[in-house]
Structure formats: C-alpha cells, structure tokens
C-alpha cells in the first residue's frame, strides 16, 4: 500500500452524502478523493430506529466515534452504549453493527485501517462477501425488534398516473 504524499484538506462542502447499499444509511466518505490505500473514514448519520449492516472485517481495525447523540453498537454479541464523544476500537474478526434504537439521529465517525483493498473502487479482485457477512447483514439487533429497516425503495408511479402533490 502506497502512503499518500503531502496532505489533503477536506471541507464539509466537499463531502458527497449517499445512502449505503444494503441498509440505506446516509454516509459520506472522507477519504475517497484522497487516494488513500491505508485507511478509510466515513461519517454515518443513523436515523431513529435504524441499523447499519451486521459485518466484520478481514484485516481492518475500526474506531467508532460518536459525534452527536448516544451511540449503540453490537460487538461480538454484546450491546455497548457509547456517549457523545466516546469511542470504541473493534478488531477485525469481531462481528459488529451500529444501530440507533432512540428517537434522535446519531452521527458517527468511523475510521478503519488498513483499508481492505478488495473494496476499493477499481479493485480487480473478486471479494468473497461471506468473509465480511457470515450471517444475514440486514439482521437487526434485538433492541430493534418489530422495526422494519431498511426502508423500502420508493416505488415508481404507475404509468399514466399524474402526481398531484
């Protein structure tokens, strides 16, 4: 892995927010424009009564830091409550899931290293996703029993129908 040369200033207006593929959680990748192959860093904005994927990593350690709200994190079968400005370091093999069982949004900064090259854009290797998702990645923690997440994608209007909103 090649280290980044010099430095990269990333301003809030440079961030591109998008929903994650599986769980539809809004996130912004801080390092995607830098070319870093050594670490990843994302903001994750968890809506009330939501969860991110249940997953683990092959090599990467991840540091979970709560910027706003009270964070909840399932790690190795234990549920942790993380206060604002608190953090948790999680090793690669630990199954983990960030979730929000409150009625307030929670903002996390999640930093991981080393970057798992299989997930970088343009990777030529085919990733065995069962290494990352050994169980159903959309499974919700017990604290969200009865909640429907992720949200269903919006359906397209029936052909010929007008939108009167």
C-alpha atoms as a PDB file:
ATOM      1  CA  UNK A   1       0.000   0.000   0.000  1.00  0.00           C
ATOM      2  CA  UNK A   2       1.328   3.356  -1.006  1.00  0.00           C
ATOM      3  CA  UNK A   3       1.187   6.201   1.503  1.00  0.00           C
ATOM      4  CA  UNK A   4      -0.460   9.451   0.431  1.00  0.00           C
ATOM      5  CA  UNK A   5       2.008  12.193  -0.438  1.00  0.00           C
ATOM      6  CA  UNK A   6       1.601  15.620   1.147  1.00  0.00           C
ATOM      7  CA  UNK A   7      -1.825  16.383   2.585  1.00  0.00           C
ATOM      8  CA  UNK A   8      -5.469  16.691   1.577  1.00  0.00           C
ATOM      9  CA  UNK A   9      -7.813  19.271   3.094  1.00  0.00           C
ATOM     10  CA  UNK A  10     -11.413  18.012   3.074  1.00  0.00           C
ATOM     11  CA  UNK A  11     -14.091  20.620   3.763  1.00  0.00           C
ATOM     12  CA  UNK A  12     -17.685  19.753   4.699  1.00  0.00           C
ATOM     13  CA  UNK A  13     -18.904  21.089   1.347  1.00  0.00           C
ATOM     14  CA  UNK A  14     -16.575  18.587  -0.395  1.00  0.00           C
ATOM     15  CA  UNK A  15     -18.455  15.623   1.071  1.00  0.00           C
ATOM     16  CA  UNK A  16     -20.927  13.659  -1.000  1.00  0.00           C
ATOM     17  CA  UNK A  17     -23.726  12.109   1.101  1.00  0.00           C
ATOM     18  CA  UNK A  18     -25.362   8.940  -0.204  1.00  0.00           C
ATOM     19  CA  UNK A  19     -27.370   6.042   1.233  1.00  0.00           C
ATOM     20  CA  UNK A  20     -25.465   2.796   1.849  1.00  0.00           C
ATOM     21  CA  UNK A  21     -26.306  -0.072  -0.488  1.00  0.00           C
ATOM     22  CA  UNK A  22     -27.893  -2.583   1.876  1.00  0.00           C
ATOM     23  CA  UNK A  23     -29.258  -0.581   4.792  1.00  0.00           C
ATOM     24  CA  UNK A  24     -29.870   2.858   3.212  1.00  0.00           C
ATOM     25  CA  UNK A  25     -27.960   4.727   5.971  1.00  0.00           C
ATOM     26  CA  UNK A  26     -26.739   8.182   4.828  1.00  0.00           C
ATOM     27  CA  UNK A  27     -22.938   8.324   4.810  1.00  0.00           C
ATOM     28  CA  UNK A  28     -20.117  10.469   3.466  1.00  0.00           C
ATOM     29  CA  UNK A  29     -16.682   9.070   2.649  1.00  0.00           C
ATOM     30  CA  UNK A  30     -13.954  11.464   3.794  1.00  0.00           C
ATOM     31  CA  UNK A  31     -11.068   9.748   2.059  1.00  0.00           C
ATOM     32  CA  UNK A  32     -12.464   8.621  -1.312  1.00  0.00           C
ATOM     33  CA  UNK A  33     -10.959  11.608  -3.159  1.00  0.00           C
ATOM     34  CA  UNK A  34      -7.559  11.322  -1.487  1.00  0.00           C
ATOM     35  CA  UNK A  35      -6.456   8.003  -2.996  1.00  0.00           C
ATOM     36  CA  UNK A  36      -5.628   6.609   0.444  1.00  0.00           C
ATOM     37  CA  UNK A  37      -4.979   2.872   0.380  1.00  0.00           C
ATOM     38  CA  UNK A  38      -4.144   2.716   4.085  1.00  0.00           C
ATOM     39  CA  UNK A  39      -7.277   3.854   5.878  1.00  0.00           C
ATOM     40  CA  UNK A  40     -10.934   4.656   5.433  1.00  0.00           C
ATOM     41  CA  UNK A  41     -13.040   7.270   7.220  1.00  0.00           C
ATOM     42  CA  UNK A  42     -16.780   7.884   6.898  1.00  0.00           C
ATOM     43  CA  UNK A  43     -19.480   9.856   8.610  1.00  0.00           C
ATOM     44  CA  UNK A  44     -22.636   7.787   9.218  1.00  0.00           C
ATOM     45  CA  UNK A  45     -25.917   9.549  10.029  1.00  0.00           C
ATOM     46  CA  UNK A  46     -28.180   6.946  11.660  1.00  0.00           C
ATOM     47  CA  UNK A  47     -31.853   7.915  11.607  1.00  0.00           C
ATOM     48  CA  UNK A  48     -34.055   6.998  14.584  1.00  0.00           C
ATOM     49  CA  UNK A  49     -34.902   3.268  14.801  1.00  0.00           C
ATOM     50  CA  UNK A  50     -32.323   2.187  12.198  1.00  0.00           C
ATOM     51  CA  UNK A  51     -29.272  -0.048  11.850  1.00  0.00           C
ATOM     52  CA  UNK A  52     -26.276  -0.449   9.612  1.00  0.00           C
ATOM     53  CA  UNK A  53     -25.019  -3.818   8.356  1.00  0.00           C
ATOM     54  CA  UNK A  54     -24.019  -6.650  10.670  1.00  0.00           C
ATOM     55  CA  UNK A  55     -20.470  -7.352   9.488  1.00  0.00           C
ATOM     56  CA  UNK A  56     -16.824  -7.977  10.305  1.00  0.00           C
ATOM     57  CA  UNK A  57     -13.536  -7.281   8.566  1.00  0.00           C
ATOM     58  CA  UNK A  58     -10.679  -9.421   7.305  1.00  0.00           C
ATOM     59  CA  UNK A  59      -7.753  -7.194   8.348  1.00  0.00           C
ATOM     60  CA  UNK A  60      -9.113  -3.769   9.267  1.00  0.00           C
ATOM     61  CA  UNK A  61      -9.484  -2.447  12.779  1.00  0.00           C
ATOM     62  CA  UNK A  62     -12.252   0.142  13.104  1.00  0.00           C
ATOM     63  CA  UNK A  63     -12.582   3.048  15.502  1.00  0.00           C
ATOM     64  CA  UNK A  64     -16.186   4.121  16.140  1.00  0.00           C
ATOM     65  CA  UNK A  65     -16.609   7.673  17.490  1.00  0.00           C
ATOM     66  CA  UNK A  66     -19.932   9.343  18.379  1.00  0.00           C
ATOM     67  CA  UNK A  67     -20.100  12.974  17.264  1.00  0.00           C
ATOM     68  CA  UNK A  68     -23.794  13.629  18.026  1.00  0.00           C
ATOM     69  CA  UNK A  69     -26.334  11.717  20.098  1.00  0.00           C
ATOM     70  CA  UNK A  70     -25.868   8.487  22.036  1.00  0.00           C
ATOM     71  CA  UNK A  71     -24.442   5.608  20.027  1.00  0.00           C
ATOM     72  CA  UNK A  72     -25.340   1.949  20.239  1.00  0.00           C
ATOM     73  CA  UNK A  73     -23.023  -0.755  18.924  1.00  0.00           C
ATOM     74  CA  UNK A  74     -23.351  -4.518  18.896  1.00  0.00           C
ATOM     75  CA  UNK A  75     -19.876  -6.107  19.152  1.00  0.00           C
ATOM     76  CA  UNK A  76     -19.256  -9.827  19.499  1.00  0.00           C
ATOM     77  CA  UNK A  77     -22.776 -10.372  20.850  1.00  0.00           C
ATOM     78  CA  UNK A  78     -22.554  -7.540  23.432  1.00  0.00           C
ATOM     79  CA  UNK A  79     -24.504  -4.290  23.162  1.00  0.00           C
ATOM     80  CA  UNK A  80     -22.488  -1.202  24.055  1.00  0.00           C
ATOM     81  CA  UNK A  81     -23.825   2.289  24.742  1.00  0.00           C
ATOM     82  CA  UNK A  82     -21.374   4.949  23.592  1.00  0.00           C
ATOM     83  CA  UNK A  83     -21.838   8.531  24.861  1.00  0.00           C
ATOM     84  CA  UNK A  84     -21.302  11.622  22.726  1.00  0.00           C
ATOM     85  CA  UNK A  85     -17.536  11.994  22.128  1.00  0.00           C
ATOM     86  CA  UNK A  86     -16.962   8.396  23.276  1.00  0.00           C
ATOM     87  CA  UNK A  87     -15.338   5.764  21.101  1.00  0.00           C
ATOM     88  CA  UNK A  88     -14.826   2.034  20.655  1.00  0.00           C
ATOM     89  CA  UNK A  89     -11.952   0.255  18.880  1.00  0.00           C
ATOM     90  CA  UNK A  90     -13.024  -3.052  17.277  1.00  0.00           C
ATOM     91  CA  UNK A  91     -10.684  -5.754  15.946  1.00  0.00           C
ATOM     92  CA  UNK A  92     -11.128  -7.314  12.504  1.00  0.00           C
ATOM     93  CA  UNK A  93     -12.759 -10.638  13.375  1.00  0.00           C
ATOM     94  CA  UNK A  94     -15.428  -9.200  15.683  1.00  0.00           C
ATOM     95  CA  UNK A  95     -18.969  -9.200  14.294  1.00  0.00           C
ATOM     96  CA  UNK A  96     -20.306  -5.643  14.741  1.00  0.00           C
ATOM     97  CA  UNK A  97     -23.331  -3.488  13.958  1.00  0.00           C
ATOM     98  CA  UNK A  98     -24.016   0.191  14.610  1.00  0.00           C
ATOM     99  CA  UNK A  99     -27.683   0.825  15.357  1.00  0.00           C
ATOM    100  CA  UNK A 100     -29.973   3.520  16.708  1.00  0.00           C
ATOM    101  CA  UNK A 101     -32.847   2.476  18.969  1.00  0.00           C
ATOM    102  CA  UNK A 102     -33.597   6.070  20.026  1.00  0.00           C
ATOM    103  CA  UNK A 103     -35.879   8.737  18.567  1.00  0.00           C
ATOM    104  CA  UNK A 104     -32.951  11.082  17.806  1.00  0.00           C
ATOM    105  CA  UNK A 105     -30.465  10.941  14.933  1.00  0.00           C
ATOM    106  CA  UNK A 106     -26.940   9.747  15.825  1.00  0.00           C
ATOM    107  CA  UNK A 107     -23.824  10.873  13.930  1.00  0.00           C
ATOM    108  CA  UNK A 108     -20.818   8.517  13.928  1.00  0.00           C
ATOM    109  CA  UNK A 109     -17.300   8.954  12.557  1.00  0.00           C
ATOM    110  CA  UNK A 110     -15.919   5.503  11.695  1.00  0.00           C
ATOM    111  CA  UNK A 111     -12.232   5.150  10.803  1.00  0.00           C
ATOM    112  CA  UNK A 112     -10.715   1.864   9.628  1.00  0.00           C
ATOM    113  CA  UNK A 113      -7.223   0.681   8.794  1.00  0.00           C
ATOM    114  CA  UNK A 114      -5.682  -0.911   6.926  1.00  0.00           C
ATOM    115  CA  UNK A 115      -8.071  -0.289   4.045  1.00  0.00           C
ATOM    116  CA  UNK A 116      -9.253  -3.594   2.630  1.00  0.00           C
ATOM    117  CA  UNK A 117      -8.155  -3.239  -0.976  1.00  0.00           C
ATOM    118  CA  UNK A 118     -10.834  -5.636  -2.196  1.00  0.00           C
ATOM    119  CA  UNK A 119     -13.409  -2.912  -1.508  1.00  0.00           C
ATOM    120  CA  UNK A 120     -11.604  -0.008  -3.159  1.00  0.00           C
ATOM    121  CA  UNK A 121     -13.146   1.254  -6.376  1.00  0.00           C
ATOM    122  CA  UNK A 122     -11.473  -0.320  -9.374  1.00  0.00           C
ATOM    123  CA  UNK A 123     -10.350  -3.405  -7.448  1.00  0.00           C
ATOM    124  CA  UNK A 124      -9.621  -6.293  -9.787  1.00  0.00           C
ATOM    125  CA  UNK A 125     -10.076  -8.986  -7.137  1.00  0.00           C
ATOM    126  CA  UNK A 126     -13.445 -10.636  -6.594  1.00  0.00           C
ATOM    127  CA  UNK A 127     -14.364 -10.357  -2.903  1.00  0.00           C
ATOM    128  CA  UNK A 128     -15.869 -13.354  -1.118  1.00  0.00           C
ATOM    129  CA  UNK A 129     -18.617 -11.443   0.720  1.00  0.00           C
ATOM    130  CA  UNK A 130     -19.207 -14.313   3.170  1.00  0.00           C
ATOM    131  CA  UNK A 131     -15.911 -13.301   4.821  1.00  0.00           C
ATOM    132  CA  UNK A 132     -17.441  -9.912   5.665  1.00  0.00           C
ATOM    133  CA  UNK A 133     -21.067 -11.037   6.041  1.00  0.00           C
ATOM    134  CA  UNK A 134     -21.005 -14.506   7.673  1.00  0.00           C
ATOM    135  CA  UNK A 135     -24.677 -14.048   8.640  1.00  0.00           C
ATOM    136  CA  UNK A 136     -27.536 -12.011   7.148  1.00  0.00           C
ATOM    137  CA  UNK A 137     -26.083  -8.449   7.074  1.00  0.00           C
ATOM    138  CA  UNK A 138     -29.580  -6.910   7.292  1.00  0.00           C
ATOM    139  CA  UNK A 139     -30.444  -8.725  10.532  1.00  0.00           C
ATOM    140  CA  UNK A 140     -31.466  -6.212  13.194  1.00  0.00           C
ATOM    141  CA  UNK A 141     -30.367  -6.349  16.827  1.00  0.00           C
ATOM    142  CA  UNK A 142     -32.876  -7.448  19.482  1.00  0.00           C
ATOM    143  CA  UNK A 143     -33.230  -3.806  20.567  1.00  0.00           C
ATOM    144  CA  UNK A 144     -34.971  -3.072  17.247  1.00  0.00           C
ATOM    145  CA  UNK A 145     -37.434  -5.991  17.401  1.00  0.00           C
ATOM    146  CA  UNK A 146     -40.571  -5.072  15.469  1.00  0.00           C
ATOM    147  CA  UNK A 147     -38.855  -2.302  13.472  1.00  0.00           C
ATOM    148  CA  UNK A 148     -38.842  -2.529   9.670  1.00  0.00           C
ATOM    149  CA  UNK A 149     -35.437  -1.496   8.371  1.00  0.00           C
ATOM    150  CA  UNK A 150     -34.077  -0.827   5.771  1.00  0.00           C
ATOM    151  CA  UNK A 151     -36.805   1.328   4.281  1.00  0.00           C
ATOM    152  CA  UNK A 152     -38.348   0.099   1.070  1.00  0.00           C
ATOM    153  CA  UNK A 153     -37.130   1.991  -2.015  1.00  0.00           C
ATOM    154  CA  UNK A 154     -39.728   4.432  -3.365  1.00  0.00           C
ATOM    155  CA  UNK A 155     -41.945   2.828  -5.981  1.00  0.00           C
ATOM    156  CA  UNK A 156     -42.288   4.474  -9.331  1.00  0.00           C
ATOM    157  CA  UNK A 157     -45.649   5.999 -10.202  1.00  0.00           C
ATOM    158  CA  UNK A 158     -47.910   3.749 -12.219  1.00  0.00           C
ATOM    159  CA  UNK A 159     -47.649   4.584 -15.923  1.00  0.00           C
ATOM    160  CA  UNK A 160     -50.222   7.174 -16.912  1.00  0.00           C
ATOM    161  CA  UNK A 161     -50.812   8.395 -13.337  1.00  0.00           C
ATOM    162  CA  UNK A 162     -50.199  12.042 -12.622  1.00  0.00           C
ATOM    163  CA  UNK A 163     -48.517  13.279  -9.489  1.00  0.00           C
ATOM    164  CA  UNK A 164     -50.757  15.868  -7.787  1.00  0.00           C
ATOM    165  CA  UNK A 165     -48.615  16.606  -4.744  1.00  0.00           C
END
